[in-house]
Amino acid sequence: MKEVTCNKCGKVHFTMTLKEVEKEIKSFGLMYEKLSAEQKLKYYGNKPVTMETYTHCYFCGNAHSNFRPSLEQDAPIGVTICGILDNE
């Protein structure tokens, strides 16, 4: 796993392979289908996870092609980071 930093907002993400992303989308979809309409809206804004979710910054929407390798100081210990499709 490598970490990359968004050049727009500075948030760190960990890279995922296409196969890993596809597995996550499928897994989330199975869980999402079981939620009530109220839960889908409350917790996920009525937006299921798609491939686009993993090709843009989770925080600002910047394209994954506009990321750089992370530096150690980009993500303090204990910070939560999200996955993004590896652009390489």
Protein backbone atom coordinates (compact mmCIF):
# COMPACT_ATOMS: atom_id res chain seq x y z
CA MET A 1 0.00 0.00 0.00
CA LYS A 2 1.27 3.43 -0.81
CA GLU A 3 -0.09 6.72 0.39
CA VAL A 4 -0.79 9.70 -1.85
CA THR A 5 -1.76 13.28 -1.02
CA CYS A 6 -4.33 15.41 -2.82
CA ASN A 7 -2.67 18.44 -4.41
CA LYS A 8 -5.85 20.50 -3.91
CA CYS A 9 -6.80 19.94 -0.23
CA GLY A 10 -3.79 18.08 1.21
CA LYS A 11 -5.73 15.04 2.46
CA VAL A 12 -3.98 11.67 2.36
CA HIS A 13 -5.43 8.54 0.75
CA PHE A 14 -4.11 4.99 0.40
CA THR A 15 -3.96 3.52 -3.08
CA MET A 16 -5.95 0.48 -4.12
CA THR A 17 -5.74 -1.75 -7.18
CA LEU A 18 -8.65 -1.96 -9.60
CA LYS A 19 -9.43 -5.44 -8.26
CA GLU A 20 -9.52 -4.14 -4.66
CA VAL A 21 -11.79 -1.25 -5.64
CA GLU A 22 -14.18 -3.55 -7.49
CA LYS A 23 -14.34 -5.83 -4.44
CA GLU A 24 -15.08 -2.87 -2.13
CA ILE A 25 -17.82 -1.57 -4.44
CA LYS A 26 -19.48 -4.98 -4.51
CA SER A 27 -19.18 -5.44 -0.74
CA PHE A 28 -20.56 -1.98 0.00
CA GLY A 29 -23.40 -2.52 -2.48
CA LEU A 30 -24.52 -5.66 -0.68
CA MET A 31 -24.60 -3.82 2.65
CA TYR A 32 -26.20 -0.70 1.14
CA GLU A 33 -29.07 -2.69 -0.38
CA LYS A 34 -30.09 -3.86 3.10
CA LEU A 35 -30.45 -0.34 4.51
CA SER A 36 -33.75 1.49 4.79
CA ALA A 37 -34.29 4.57 2.64
CA GLU A 38 -33.88 6.69 5.78
CA GLN A 39 -30.52 5.07 6.62
CA LYS A 40 -29.27 5.48 3.05
CA LEU A 41 -30.07 9.19 3.19
CA LYS A 42 -28.80 9.77 6.74
CA TYR A 43 -25.48 7.93 6.46
CA TYR A 44 -24.64 8.05 2.75
CA GLY A 45 -26.65 10.93 1.29
CA ASN A 46 -28.50 8.39 -0.88
CA LYS A 47 -25.30 7.85 -2.86
CA PRO A 48 -24.09 4.29 -3.34
CA VAL A 49 -20.37 3.74 -3.85
CA THR A 50 -19.29 3.72 -7.50
CA MET A 51 -15.99 3.60 -9.37
CA GLU A 52 -16.07 7.42 -9.40
CA THR A 53 -15.93 7.36 -5.59
CA TYR A 54 -12.45 5.84 -5.88
CA THR A 55 -11.16 8.09 -8.65
CA HIS A 56 -11.62 11.40 -6.81
CA CYS A 57 -10.52 12.84 -3.49
CA TYR A 58 -13.00 11.79 -0.82
CA PHE A 59 -12.85 15.26 0.72
CA CYS A 60 -12.73 17.80 -2.14
CA GLY A 61 -13.49 15.82 -5.33
CA ASN A 62 -10.09 16.42 -6.98
CA ALA A 63 -9.22 13.85 -9.67
CA HIS A 64 -6.87 11.05 -8.62
CA SER A 65 -4.52 12.09 -11.41
CA ASN A 66 -3.75 15.24 -9.39
CA PHE A 67 -2.18 13.56 -6.35
CA ARG A 68 1.46 13.28 -5.28
CA PRO A 69 3.33 10.73 -3.17
CA SER A 70 2.71 11.46 0.51
CA LEU A 71 5.33 12.73 2.89
CA GLU A 72 5.51 11.35 6.42
CA GLN A 73 4.19 14.61 7.89
CA ASP A 74 1.12 14.67 5.59
CA ALA A 75 -0.84 12.23 7.77
CA PRO A 76 -0.43 12.53 11.54
CA ILE A 77 -0.55 9.30 13.55
CA GLY A 78 -4.16 8.25 14.13
CA VAL A 79 -5.69 10.18 11.24
CA THR A 80 -8.29 8.37 9.12
CA ILE A 81 -7.44 8.02 5.43
CA CYS A 82 -9.61 6.83 2.56
CA GLY A 83 -8.87 4.60 -0.39
CA ILE A 84 -8.35 5.80 -3.95
CA LEU A 85 -7.69 3.95 -7.20
CA ASP A 86 -3.97 3.76 -7.93
CA ASN A 87 -3.33 6.09 -10.86
CA GLU A 88 -0.30 4.14 -12.10
